[in-house]
Amino acid sequence: MTAASTTIQAAPAAPSSTANRTIITVCTVVATLMQSLDSTIANVALPYMQGSMAASQDEINWVLTSYIVAAAIMTAPTGFLAAKFGRTRLFVTAVSGFTMASVLCGLAQSLGQIVVFRVLQGMFGAALVPLSQSVMYDIYPVEQRARAMSVWTMGVMVGPILGPILGGWLTENYTWRWVFYINVPLGVLTALGLATFLKETKPSNAVRLDWIGFGALSLAIGAFQTMLDRGETLDWFGSSEIIIEACLAALGFYLFLVQFFLARRPFLSPRLFKDVNFVVGLTLYFTNGMIMYATLALLAPYLQTLMNYPVVTAGFVLAPRGAGLALAALVCSRLMGTISPRTLVGLGFATGAYVLYHMTGWTPDISEATVIGIGFVQGISLGFITIPINIITFATLPAELRTEGAGVYSLVRNLGSAIGISITGALLSINTQVNHAVLAAEVTPFARAFQSGAASHFWHLGTVHGSVLLNEEVTRQARIIAYIDDFKLMLVLAVGALPLLLLTRPPKRKPAVAAGS
């Protein structure tokens, strides 16, 4: 077991007043929302940044890559840092650093500057989600933790959904710099609230960091995240850069495993992975991250490129997912004491599978109401999955491992979302080319469809203009089929996650109590 986990002090008692606890809750949820919001809010502003900084498409992508890689690397050591310096001190420092880095990103005048500042933003922001989760468990009595975690989960899940909407609105009405400045008032108030009302845990000078394990894991995560983020742009393993990054990721992961099994005090406590509920919860959370973020990443371009929605309209059409998630959070908080978390998670994955099955029959001719309705139901499924997974994951985990486990929990979500987005993006590109070749093989001057009727006028193969229009339509149809293939993959993942629930063990106490175990 890590030194950090053996010396983490007992959590402070719940705040004496309900007002204090409410203020801390608001601060932790806002901190979570800021971090999750920034994972997507800058995406829609990239073209505007690219123009103002005279950067190429490949160069401007580092604005996203730098943040993702830095956040992924610094998520894992949150438990050690909290034990070493005190949880409240670390929390306030993380919020303050994230806010200052946001200001610097907004003031950046060159590509190099904004990439460096995004690295800082990711490093400070990495601790916000696991620390928020740990604080929420500790400040509420056991009978209220299920409801408290439903509120916290909304901050994690709603942020990526609202990010493109808010980012598009700020960019169009003000400037891209406001996607970063929006964090300043939230960050200042959150830091002041935490410093004033959150009791400090006792720091320990006895903790030691396994630098070899941390370095190996950082190398593996950093190289792997960079490979996933840049793979599609660089044609994956057709690029020497991607091959090098894959080799570095494999080497780092190998060294981490060697250190994990052989070191006396490895970077991550082996006790974490001896808990069946924790391991199954990580797997389910990883799968949910793949499905949620990959689906969002697919739907935004689907609406804009195939259905010709403006970017702001596409954002508002996708927004009902947040409303569905909020409704599910309210329902879950009330059902947790009477219905098993395993049942709720199963219901969530089953509902998500139904939604994805429906999406496999989509064409660009579907109505806006259909997209909104399906999005709302998918939001409900995500809420039923995410909130009870918290309870399953931490139900049997010892309290002294909670902060360290929360760091690993957040890391798994980040990895799942990155892998899901990269895999579906790569498959979309590959399958579009494959489907185009298959469809094009049937397009000949001898095909009956092109010999009479409207097709013979619009897609006349004897003219350059007709051939170009026909090729565009074939590409469009090939892309529609490629999207359907990706939706089918997400459907398989949702159905495949259901049997894992049979491996979980019920907590020794009733579900409402297990939320804070």
Protein backbone atom coordinates (compact mmCIF):
# COMPACT_ATOMS: atom_id res chain seq x y z
CA MET A 1 0.00 0.00 0.00
CA THR A 2 1.25 3.50 -0.73
CA ALA A 3 2.61 5.60 2.04
CA ALA A 4 0.14 8.27 1.14
CA SER A 5 -2.83 6.03 1.74
CA THR A 6 -1.57 4.82 5.12
CA THR A 7 -1.20 8.31 6.52
CA ILE A 8 -4.25 10.09 5.26
CA GLN A 9 -6.02 11.41 8.28
CA ALA A 10 -9.61 10.79 9.08
CA ALA A 11 -11.99 13.14 7.35
CA PRO A 12 -13.16 16.10 9.39
CA ALA A 13 -16.57 15.95 10.88
CA ALA A 14 -19.48 17.28 8.89
CA PRO A 15 -19.88 21.06 9.15
CA SER A 16 -21.81 22.13 12.20
CA SER A 17 -24.36 24.18 10.32
CA THR A 18 -26.48 23.41 7.31
CA ALA A 19 -25.54 26.81 5.86
CA ASN A 20 -21.84 25.94 5.91
CA ARG A 21 -22.50 22.62 4.26
CA THR A 22 -24.64 24.26 1.58
CA ILE A 23 -21.91 26.78 0.77
CA ILE A 24 -19.28 24.05 0.53
CA THR A 25 -21.60 22.03 -1.71
CA VAL A 26 -22.08 24.97 -4.07
CA CYS A 27 -18.31 25.55 -4.18
CA THR A 28 -17.46 21.92 -4.91
CA VAL A 29 -20.12 21.63 -7.62
CA VAL A 30 -18.95 24.87 -9.27
CA ALA A 31 -15.33 23.67 -9.15
CA THR A 32 -16.39 20.41 -10.80
CA LEU A 33 -18.43 22.30 -13.38
CA MET A 34 -15.52 24.58 -14.29
CA GLN A 35 -13.20 21.66 -14.93
CA SER A 36 -15.67 19.59 -16.91
CA LEU A 37 -16.86 22.66 -18.85
CA ASP A 38 -13.34 23.47 -20.00
CA SER A 39 -12.95 20.00 -21.49
CA THR A 40 -15.28 21.04 -24.34
CA ILE A 41 -15.94 24.79 -24.21
CA ALA A 42 -12.80 25.69 -26.20
CA ASN A 43 -13.58 23.31 -29.07
CA VAL A 44 -15.96 25.62 -30.91
CA ALA A 45 -13.58 28.56 -30.49
CA LEU A 46 -10.64 26.83 -32.20
CA PRO A 47 -11.30 28.26 -35.69
CA TYR A 48 -11.35 31.79 -34.24
CA MET A 49 -8.13 31.16 -32.30
CA GLN A 50 -6.56 29.74 -35.43
CA GLY A 51 -7.32 32.89 -37.38
CA SER A 52 -6.14 35.34 -34.73
CA MET A 53 -2.88 33.46 -34.16
CA ALA A 54 -2.19 32.55 -37.80
CA ALA A 55 -1.85 28.87 -36.87
CA SER A 56 -2.37 25.78 -39.00
CA GLN A 57 -5.05 23.21 -38.18
CA ASP A 58 -2.43 20.83 -36.80
CA GLU A 59 -0.88 23.55 -34.61
CA ILE A 60 -4.14 24.86 -33.16
CA ASN A 61 -5.13 21.34 -32.08
CA TRP A 62 -2.40 21.54 -29.44
CA VAL A 63 -4.68 23.94 -27.55
CA LEU A 64 -6.88 20.92 -26.81
CA THR A 65 -4.17 18.27 -26.62
CA SER A 66 -2.05 20.17 -24.09
CA TYR A 67 -4.98 20.56 -21.68
CA ILE A 68 -6.10 16.94 -21.97
CA VAL A 69 -2.61 15.48 -21.49
CA ALA A 70 -1.74 17.73 -18.53
CA ALA A 71 -5.04 16.99 -16.78
CA ALA A 72 -4.68 13.24 -17.33
CA ILE A 73 -1.15 13.13 -15.91
CA MET A 74 -1.90 15.17 -12.80
CA THR A 75 -5.15 13.42 -11.85
CA ALA A 76 -3.51 10.29 -10.40
CA PRO A 77 -1.31 11.96 -7.69
CA THR A 78 -4.24 13.85 -6.14
CA GLY A 79 -4.38 11.47 -3.17
CA PHE A 80 -0.68 11.93 -2.39
CA LEU A 81 -0.84 15.72 -2.69
CA ALA A 82 -3.91 15.91 -0.43
CA ALA A 83 -2.17 13.81 2.23
CA LYS A 84 1.07 15.77 1.93
CA PHE A 85 -0.27 19.33 2.03
CA GLY A 86 -3.83 19.02 3.32
CA ARG A 87 -6.97 18.65 1.27
CA THR A 88 -8.36 22.16 1.73
CA ARG A 89 -5.01 23.80 0.97
CA LEU A 90 -4.68 21.70 -2.18
CA PHE A 91 -8.28 22.41 -3.22
CA VAL A 92 -7.92 26.19 -2.84
CA THR A 93 -4.57 26.15 -4.64
CA ALA A 94 -6.02 24.10 -7.50
CA VAL A 95 -9.02 26.44 -7.94
CA SER A 96 -6.83 29.56 -7.72
CA GLY A 97 -4.26 28.17 -10.15
CA PHE A 98 -6.97 27.07 -12.58
CA THR A 99 -8.54 30.55 -12.46
CA MET A 100 -5.22 32.34 -13.00
CA ALA A 101 -4.32 30.00 -15.86
CA SER A 102 -7.71 30.79 -17.43
CA VAL A 103 -6.90 34.51 -17.31
CA LEU A 104 -3.53 33.86 -18.93
CA CYS A 105 -5.17 31.80 -21.68
CA GLY A 106 -7.51 34.69 -22.43
CA LEU A 107 -4.57 37.14 -22.55
CA ALA A 108 -2.37 34.91 -24.73
CA GLN A 109 -0.99 36.59 -27.85
CA SER A 110 0.69 33.63 -29.53
CA LEU A 111 0.15 29.92 -30.02
CA GLY A 112 3.11 29.04 -27.81
CA GLN A 113 1.73 31.12 -24.96
CA ILE A 114 -1.76 29.65 -25.02
CA VAL A 115 -0.41 26.08 -25.21
CA VAL A 116 1.77 26.68 -22.14
CA PHE A 117 -1.11 28.29 -20.26
CA ARG A 118 -3.44 25.44 -21.21
CA VAL A 119 -0.90 23.02 -19.74
CA LEU A 120 -1.04 24.98 -16.48
CA GLN A 121 -4.83 25.03 -16.63
CA GLY A 122 -4.93 21.27 -17.06
CA MET A 123 -2.42 20.66 -14.25
CA PHE A 124 -4.33 22.74 -11.72
CA GLY A 125 -7.73 21.55 -12.93
CA ALA A 126 -6.86 17.86 -12.65
CA ALA A 127 -7.44 17.76 -8.89
CA LEU A 128 -10.79 19.57 -8.91
CA VAL A 129 -13.05 16.61 -9.71
CA PRO A 130 -11.52 14.00 -7.32
CA LEU A 131 -11.23 16.54 -4.50
CA SER A 132 -14.83 17.66 -5.02
CA GLN A 133 -16.01 14.07 -4.91
CA SER A 134 -14.04 13.34 -1.74
CA VAL A 135 -15.32 16.47 0.01
CA MET A 136 -18.94 15.72 -0.87
CA TYR A 137 -18.65 12.25 0.69
CA ASP A 138 -17.19 13.65 3.89
CA ILE A 139 -19.42 16.66 4.64
CA TYR A 140 -22.73 14.79 4.44
CA PRO A 141 -24.06 12.20 6.88
CA VAL A 142 -24.44 8.76 5.38
CA GLU A 143 -28.21 8.97 4.91
CA GLN A 144 -27.85 12.10 2.72
CA ARG A 145 -24.86 11.12 0.60
CA ALA A 146 -26.80 9.55 -2.27
CA ARG A 147 -28.73 12.78 -2.83
CA ALA A 148 -25.56 14.86 -2.44
CA MET A 149 -23.70 12.79 -5.01
CA SER A 150 -26.56 13.18 -7.48
CA VAL A 151 -26.07 16.95 -7.28
CA TRP A 152 -22.29 16.60 -7.67
CA THR A 153 -22.66 14.27 -10.65
CA MET A 154 -24.63 16.92 -12.52
CA GLY A 155 -21.57 19.15 -12.42
CA VAL A 156 -19.44 16.41 -13.96
CA MET A 157 -21.87 15.40 -16.68
CA VAL A 158 -23.62 18.66 -17.58
CA GLY A 159 -20.35 20.54 -18.15
CA PRO A 160 -19.37 18.75 -21.39
CA ILE A 161 -22.94 19.10 -22.67
CA LEU A 162 -23.17 22.85 -21.98
CA GLY A 163 -19.60 23.53 -23.12
CA PRO A 164 -20.24 23.75 -26.88
CA ILE A 165 -23.41 25.82 -26.36
CA LEU A 166 -21.79 28.34 -24.03
CA GLY A 167 -18.58 28.40 -26.04
CA GLY A 168 -20.42 29.05 -29.29
CA TRP A 169 -22.53 31.82 -27.77
CA LEU A 170 -19.57 33.59 -26.14
CA THR A 171 -17.45 33.33 -29.27
CA GLU A 172 -20.14 34.66 -31.60
CA ASN A 173 -21.31 37.49 -29.36
CA TYR A 174 -18.01 38.53 -27.77
CA THR A 175 -14.65 36.92 -28.56
CA TRP A 176 -13.00 33.54 -28.11
CA ARG A 177 -11.10 34.92 -25.11
CA TRP A 178 -14.31 34.91 -23.08
CA VAL A 179 -14.44 31.10 -23.09
CA PHE A 180 -11.57 31.44 -20.60
CA TYR A 181 -12.58 34.66 -18.81
CA ILE A 182 -15.90 33.06 -17.85
CA ASN A 183 -13.99 31.04 -15.23
CA VAL A 184 -12.72 34.10 -13.35
CA PRO A 185 -15.78 35.10 -11.24
CA LEU A 186 -16.65 31.46 -10.61
CA GLY A 187 -13.09 30.61 -9.60
CA VAL A 188 -12.65 33.58 -7.26
CA LEU A 189 -15.90 32.94 -5.39
CA THR A 190 -15.20 29.20 -5.18
CA ALA A 191 -11.69 29.69 -3.77
CA LEU A 192 -12.94 32.17 -1.16
CA GLY A 193 -15.80 29.87 -0.15
CA LEU A 194 -13.57 26.82 0.26
CA ALA A 195 -10.88 28.72 2.17
CA THR A 196 -13.47 30.14 4.55
CA PHE A 197 -15.82 27.22 5.22
CA LEU A 198 -14.01 23.93 4.46
CA LYS A 199 -12.12 22.45 7.38
CA GLU A 200 -8.57 21.36 6.74
CA THR A 201 -7.35 17.78 7.00
CA LYS A 202 -4.10 17.26 8.87
CA PRO A 203 -1.16 17.14 6.44
CA SER A 204 1.54 14.53 6.93
CA ASN A 205 5.26 14.86 6.26
CA ALA A 206 5.65 11.09 6.42
CA VAL A 207 4.11 10.39 3.03
CA ARG A 208 6.43 9.47 0.18
CA LEU A 209 5.79 9.51 -3.53
CA ASP A 210 6.87 6.60 -5.69
CA TRP A 211 8.63 8.77 -8.28
CA ILE A 212 9.45 5.85 -10.56
CA GLY A 213 5.83 4.70 -10.65
CA PHE A 214 4.55 8.24 -11.09
CA GLY A 215 7.05 8.96 -13.86
CA ALA A 216 6.23 5.74 -15.70
CA LEU A 217 2.47 6.30 -15.42
CA SER A 218 2.88 9.93 -16.54
CA LEU A 219 4.88 8.81 -19.57
CA ALA A 220 2.26 6.18 -20.45
CA ILE A 221 -0.72 8.51 -20.02
CA GLY A 222 0.90 11.50 -21.71
CA ALA A 223 2.09 9.55 -24.74
CA PHE A 224 -1.17 7.61 -25.03
CA GLN A 225 -3.37 10.73 -24.79
CA THR A 226 -1.22 12.56 -27.34
CA MET A 227 -1.41 9.57 -29.68
CA LEU A 228 -5.21 9.44 -29.40
CA ASP A 229 -5.65 13.17 -29.85
CA ARG A 230 -3.36 13.49 -32.90
CA GLY A 231 -3.87 10.09 -34.47
CA GLU A 232 -6.70 11.01 -36.80
CA THR A 233 -4.92 14.14 -38.00
CA LEU A 234 -1.69 12.28 -38.73
CA ASP A 235 -3.26 9.14 -40.28
CA TRP A 236 -2.53 7.01 -37.23
CA PHE A 237 0.24 4.46 -37.70
CA GLY A 238 1.11 5.86 -41.09
CA SER A 239 2.88 8.58 -39.10
CA SER A 240 6.25 8.12 -37.40
CA GLU A 241 5.13 10.46 -34.60
CA ILE A 242 2.19 8.20 -33.71
CA ILE A 243 4.42 5.11 -33.77
CA ILE A 244 6.89 6.77 -31.38
CA GLU A 245 4.09 7.85 -29.05
CA ALA A 246 2.61 4.34 -29.06
CA CYS A 247 6.00 2.84 -28.20
CA LEU A 248 6.52 5.36 -25.37
CA ALA A 249 3.04 4.61 -24.00
CA ALA A 250 3.71 0.87 -24.06
CA LEU A 251 7.11 1.34 -22.39
CA GLY A 252 5.68 3.60 -19.70
CA PHE A 253 2.82 1.23 -18.94
CA TYR A 254 5.21 -1.75 -18.77
CA LEU A 255 7.53 0.07 -16.34
CA PHE A 256 4.54 1.13 -14.24
CA LEU A 257 3.29 -2.47 -13.95
CA VAL A 258 6.76 -3.71 -12.99
CA GLN A 259 7.02 -1.04 -10.30
CA PHE A 260 3.44 -1.69 -9.17
CA PHE A 261 4.03 -5.41 -8.56
CA LEU A 262 7.61 -5.25 -7.25
CA ALA A 263 7.90 -2.02 -5.25
CA ARG A 264 7.27 -2.06 -1.50
CA ARG A 265 5.21 1.12 -1.74
CA PRO A 266 3.97 1.55 -5.31
CA PHE A 267 2.45 4.77 -6.61
CA LEU A 268 -1.10 3.36 -6.48
CA SER A 269 -2.19 1.22 -3.57
CA PRO A 270 -2.75 -2.45 -4.53
CA ARG A 271 -5.64 -2.45 -2.05
CA LEU A 272 -7.63 -0.37 -4.52
CA PHE A 273 -7.62 -3.13 -7.10
CA LYS A 274 -8.39 -5.91 -4.63
CA ASP A 275 -11.83 -4.40 -4.13
CA VAL A 276 -14.15 -6.05 -6.67
CA ASN A 277 -16.72 -3.26 -6.58
CA PHE A 278 -14.05 -0.66 -7.23
CA VAL A 279 -12.64 -2.51 -10.25
CA VAL A 280 -16.08 -3.21 -11.73
CA GLY A 281 -17.12 0.39 -11.07
CA LEU A 282 -14.02 1.66 -12.89
CA THR A 283 -14.82 -0.58 -15.85
CA LEU A 284 -18.42 0.60 -16.00
CA TYR A 285 -17.40 4.25 -15.63
CA PHE A 286 -14.80 3.80 -18.39
CA THR A 287 -17.44 2.31 -20.68
CA ASN A 288 -19.92 5.05 -19.84
CA GLY A 289 -17.28 7.67 -20.60
CA MET A 290 -16.64 6.11 -24.00
CA ILE A 291 -20.34 6.05 -24.87
CA MET A 292 -21.24 9.52 -23.60
CA TYR A 293 -18.35 11.52 -25.02
CA ALA A 294 -18.13 9.57 -28.27
CA THR A 295 -21.85 10.06 -28.89
CA LEU A 296 -21.59 13.80 -28.25
CA ALA A 297 -18.52 14.02 -30.49
CA LEU A 298 -20.42 12.22 -33.26
CA LEU A 299 -23.70 14.10 -33.01
CA ALA A 300 -22.30 17.63 -33.21
CA PRO A 301 -20.75 17.17 -36.69
CA TYR A 302 -23.71 14.98 -37.75
CA LEU A 303 -26.10 17.87 -37.11
CA GLN A 304 -23.82 20.48 -38.67
CA THR A 305 -22.51 18.66 -41.75
CA LEU A 306 -25.32 16.29 -42.68
CA MET A 307 -28.36 18.19 -41.39
CA ASN A 308 -26.94 21.70 -42.02
CA TYR A 309 -27.62 23.03 -38.51
CA PRO A 310 -25.73 26.21 -37.47
CA VAL A 311 -23.32 25.59 -34.61
CA VAL A 312 -25.45 27.41 -32.02
CA THR A 313 -28.63 25.62 -33.15
CA ALA A 314 -26.83 22.27 -32.94
CA GLY A 315 -25.78 23.12 -29.40
CA PHE A 316 -29.32 23.94 -28.32
CA VAL A 317 -30.68 20.78 -29.94
CA LEU A 318 -28.18 18.75 -27.92
CA ALA A 319 -28.92 20.65 -24.68
CA PRO A 320 -31.96 18.53 -23.60
CA ARG A 321 -29.47 15.85 -22.57
CA GLY A 322 -28.71 18.07 -19.61
CA ALA A 323 -32.39 18.30 -18.71
CA GLY A 324 -32.71 14.51 -18.87
CA LEU A 325 -29.64 14.15 -16.68
CA ALA A 326 -31.07 16.59 -14.11
CA LEU A 327 -34.35 14.67 -13.99
CA ALA A 328 -32.52 11.37 -13.57
CA ALA A 329 -30.43 12.85 -10.75
CA LEU A 330 -33.59 13.88 -8.90
CA VAL A 331 -35.23 10.48 -9.39
CA CYS A 332 -32.09 8.52 -8.47
CA SER A 333 -31.60 10.43 -5.23
CA ARG A 334 -35.09 9.37 -4.14
CA LEU A 335 -34.89 5.77 -5.35
CA MET A 336 -31.45 4.98 -3.97
CA GLY A 337 -32.69 3.86 -0.60
CA THR A 338 -35.29 1.45 -1.98
CA ILE A 339 -33.79 0.17 -5.25
CA SER A 340 -30.37 -1.45 -5.59
CA PRO A 341 -27.72 0.73 -7.32
CA ARG A 342 -26.95 -2.27 -9.51
CA THR A 343 -30.54 -2.29 -10.76
CA LEU A 344 -30.45 1.44 -11.50
CA VAL A 345 -27.19 1.13 -13.44
CA GLY A 346 -28.61 -1.79 -15.40
CA LEU A 347 -31.70 0.27 -16.21
CA GLY A 348 -29.47 3.11 -17.35
CA PHE A 349 -27.38 0.95 -19.69
CA ALA A 350 -30.52 -0.74 -21.05
CA THR A 351 -32.14 2.64 -21.76
CA GLY A 352 -28.92 3.86 -23.36
CA ALA A 353 -28.81 0.74 -25.52
CA TYR A 354 -32.38 1.44 -26.68
CA VAL A 355 -31.42 5.01 -27.61
CA LEU A 356 -28.39 3.84 -29.58
CA TYR A 357 -30.48 1.17 -31.31
CA HIS A 358 -32.90 3.92 -32.37
CA MET A 359 -29.98 6.01 -33.65
CA THR A 360 -28.77 3.19 -35.90
CA GLY A 361 -31.82 3.92 -38.07
CA TRP A 362 -31.20 7.66 -38.34
CA THR A 363 -30.92 9.56 -41.59
CA PRO A 364 -30.46 13.34 -42.09
CA ASP A 365 -34.21 13.51 -42.75
CA ILE A 366 -35.12 12.97 -39.09
CA SER A 367 -36.95 15.84 -37.42
CA GLU A 368 -35.51 18.21 -34.87
CA ALA A 369 -38.08 16.95 -32.36
CA THR A 370 -36.71 13.41 -32.76
CA VAL A 371 -33.16 14.55 -32.02
CA ILE A 372 -34.34 16.48 -28.96
CA GLY A 373 -36.48 13.61 -27.66
CA ILE A 374 -33.79 10.99 -28.10
CA GLY A 375 -31.26 13.33 -26.49
CA PHE A 376 -33.51 13.81 -23.48
CA VAL A 377 -33.90 10.04 -23.02
CA GLN A 378 -30.16 9.56 -23.40
CA GLY A 379 -29.61 12.16 -20.69
CA ILE A 380 -31.89 10.14 -18.41
CA SER A 381 -29.91 6.98 -19.15
CA LEU A 382 -26.63 8.75 -18.36
CA GLY A 383 -28.02 9.98 -15.05
CA PHE A 384 -29.21 6.50 -14.07
CA ILE A 385 -25.76 5.14 -14.92
CA THR A 386 -23.40 7.74 -13.48
CA ILE A 387 -24.91 8.42 -10.07
CA PRO A 388 -25.34 4.79 -8.87
CA ILE A 389 -21.91 3.87 -10.29
CA ASN A 390 -20.44 6.18 -7.65
CA ILE A 391 -22.19 4.14 -4.99
CA ILE A 392 -21.12 0.79 -6.46
CA THR A 393 -17.50 1.88 -6.88
CA PHE A 394 -16.99 3.21 -3.36
CA ALA A 395 -19.45 0.99 -1.49
CA THR A 396 -16.83 -1.37 -0.07
CA LEU A 397 -13.68 0.76 -0.42
CA PRO A 398 -11.99 1.68 2.89
CA ALA A 399 -12.37 5.35 3.82
CA GLU A 400 -8.60 5.98 3.91
CA LEU A 401 -8.37 5.08 0.21
CA ARG A 402 -11.23 7.34 -0.86
CA THR A 403 -9.24 10.34 -2.15
CA GLU A 404 -6.75 8.14 -3.98
CA GLY A 405 -9.60 6.10 -5.44
CA ALA A 406 -11.40 9.26 -6.54
CA GLY A 407 -8.28 10.30 -8.47
CA VAL A 408 -8.13 6.96 -10.29
CA TYR A 409 -11.89 7.18 -10.87
CA SER A 410 -11.56 10.56 -12.61
CA LEU A 411 -8.56 9.35 -14.60
CA VAL A 412 -10.53 6.39 -15.92
CA ARG A 413 -13.34 8.69 -17.08
CA ASN A 414 -10.85 10.87 -18.94
CA LEU A 415 -9.21 7.88 -20.60
CA GLY A 416 -12.57 6.40 -21.55
CA SER A 417 -13.74 9.61 -23.18
CA ALA A 418 -10.45 10.07 -25.06
CA ILE A 419 -10.42 6.48 -26.32
CA GLY A 420 -14.10 6.58 -27.29
CA ILE A 421 -13.73 9.82 -29.25
CA SER A 422 -10.57 8.62 -31.00
CA ILE A 423 -11.90 5.18 -31.93
CA THR A 424 -15.21 6.44 -33.28
CA GLY A 425 -13.50 9.29 -35.12
CA ALA A 426 -11.02 6.92 -36.75
CA LEU A 427 -13.74 4.42 -37.66
CA LEU A 428 -15.88 7.22 -39.09
CA SER A 429 -13.07 8.25 -41.42
CA ILE A 430 -12.11 4.70 -42.41
CA ASN A 431 -15.67 3.45 -42.90
CA THR A 432 -16.58 6.51 -44.95
CA GLN A 433 -13.80 5.63 -47.39
CA VAL A 434 -14.75 1.93 -47.44
CA ASN A 435 -18.46 2.68 -47.92
CA HIS A 436 -17.64 5.21 -50.63
CA ALA A 437 -15.67 2.57 -52.54
CA VAL A 438 -18.51 0.04 -52.22
CA LEU A 439 -21.18 2.53 -53.34
CA ALA A 440 -19.03 3.96 -56.12
CA ALA A 441 -18.57 0.48 -57.58
CA GLU A 442 -22.31 0.43 -58.32
CA VAL A 443 -22.29 3.85 -59.99
CA THR A 444 -21.87 3.27 -63.73
CA PRO A 445 -23.43 4.84 -66.84
CA PHE A 446 -25.27 1.54 -67.34
CA ALA A 447 -27.14 1.69 -64.02
CA ARG A 448 -30.87 2.16 -64.61
CA ALA A 449 -31.08 4.88 -61.95
CA PHE A 450 -28.92 7.18 -64.06
CA GLN A 451 -30.62 6.56 -67.40
CA SER A 452 -33.97 8.25 -66.74
CA GLY A 453 -35.81 10.52 -64.36
CA ALA A 454 -34.41 13.34 -62.23
CA ALA A 455 -31.18 11.45 -61.51
CA SER A 456 -30.22 11.54 -65.18
CA HIS A 457 -30.38 15.35 -65.12
CA PHE A 458 -28.76 16.12 -61.75
CA TRP A 459 -26.13 13.36 -61.75
CA HIS A 460 -25.32 13.05 -65.46
CA LEU A 461 -22.09 11.07 -65.65
CA GLY A 462 -21.32 12.52 -69.04
CA THR A 463 -20.64 15.97 -67.58
CA VAL A 464 -18.05 17.18 -65.09
CA HIS A 465 -20.65 19.04 -63.07
CA GLY A 466 -22.93 15.99 -62.86
CA SER A 467 -20.04 13.72 -61.86
CA VAL A 468 -18.96 16.10 -59.07
CA LEU A 469 -22.50 16.31 -57.68
CA LEU A 470 -22.85 12.54 -57.81
CA ASN A 471 -19.54 12.04 -56.00
CA GLU A 472 -20.66 14.45 -53.27
CA GLU A 473 -23.89 12.51 -52.80
CA VAL A 474 -22.06 9.16 -52.71
CA THR A 475 -19.70 10.60 -50.08
CA ARG A 476 -22.68 11.86 -48.08
CA GLN A 477 -24.39 8.47 -48.15
CA ALA A 478 -21.13 6.73 -47.25
CA ARG A 479 -20.75 9.05 -44.26
CA ILE A 480 -24.30 8.36 -43.08
CA ILE A 481 -23.57 4.62 -43.09
CA ALA A 482 -20.28 5.24 -41.24
CA TYR A 483 -22.15 7.12 -38.50
CA ILE A 484 -24.58 4.21 -38.20
CA ASP A 485 -21.63 1.82 -37.82
CA ASP A 486 -20.30 3.94 -34.94
CA PHE A 487 -23.70 3.99 -33.26
CA LYS A 488 -23.78 0.18 -33.54
CA LEU A 489 -20.38 -0.02 -31.81
CA MET A 490 -21.68 2.13 -28.94
CA LEU A 491 -24.74 -0.13 -28.75
CA VAL A 492 -22.52 -3.22 -28.38
CA LEU A 493 -20.57 -1.52 -25.57
CA ALA A 494 -23.77 -0.61 -23.72
CA VAL A 495 -25.15 -4.15 -23.93
CA GLY A 496 -21.76 -5.68 -23.08
CA ALA A 497 -21.54 -3.68 -19.85
CA LEU A 498 -24.66 -5.27 -18.38
CA PRO A 499 -23.14 -8.67 -17.39
CA LEU A 500 -20.43 -6.89 -15.37
CA LEU A 501 -23.07 -5.82 -12.87
CA LEU A 502 -23.38 -9.45 -11.75
CA LEU A 503 -19.85 -9.25 -10.35
CA THR A 504 -20.62 -6.46 -7.89
CA ARG A 505 -21.22 -7.18 -4.24
CA PRO A 506 -23.92 -5.44 -2.21
CA PRO A 507 -22.62 -3.18 0.56
CA LYS A 508 -22.96 -4.30 4.12
CA ARG A 509 -25.40 -1.47 4.70
CA LYS A 510 -28.41 -0.32 2.75
CA PRO A 511 -27.76 1.55 -0.53
CA ALA A 512 -28.30 5.05 0.86
CA VAL A 513 -25.60 4.42 3.46
CA ALA A 514 -23.24 2.77 0.99
CA ALA A 515 -22.94 5.96 -0.99
CA GLY A 516 -20.40 7.29 1.44
CA SER A 517 -18.63 4.10 2.36
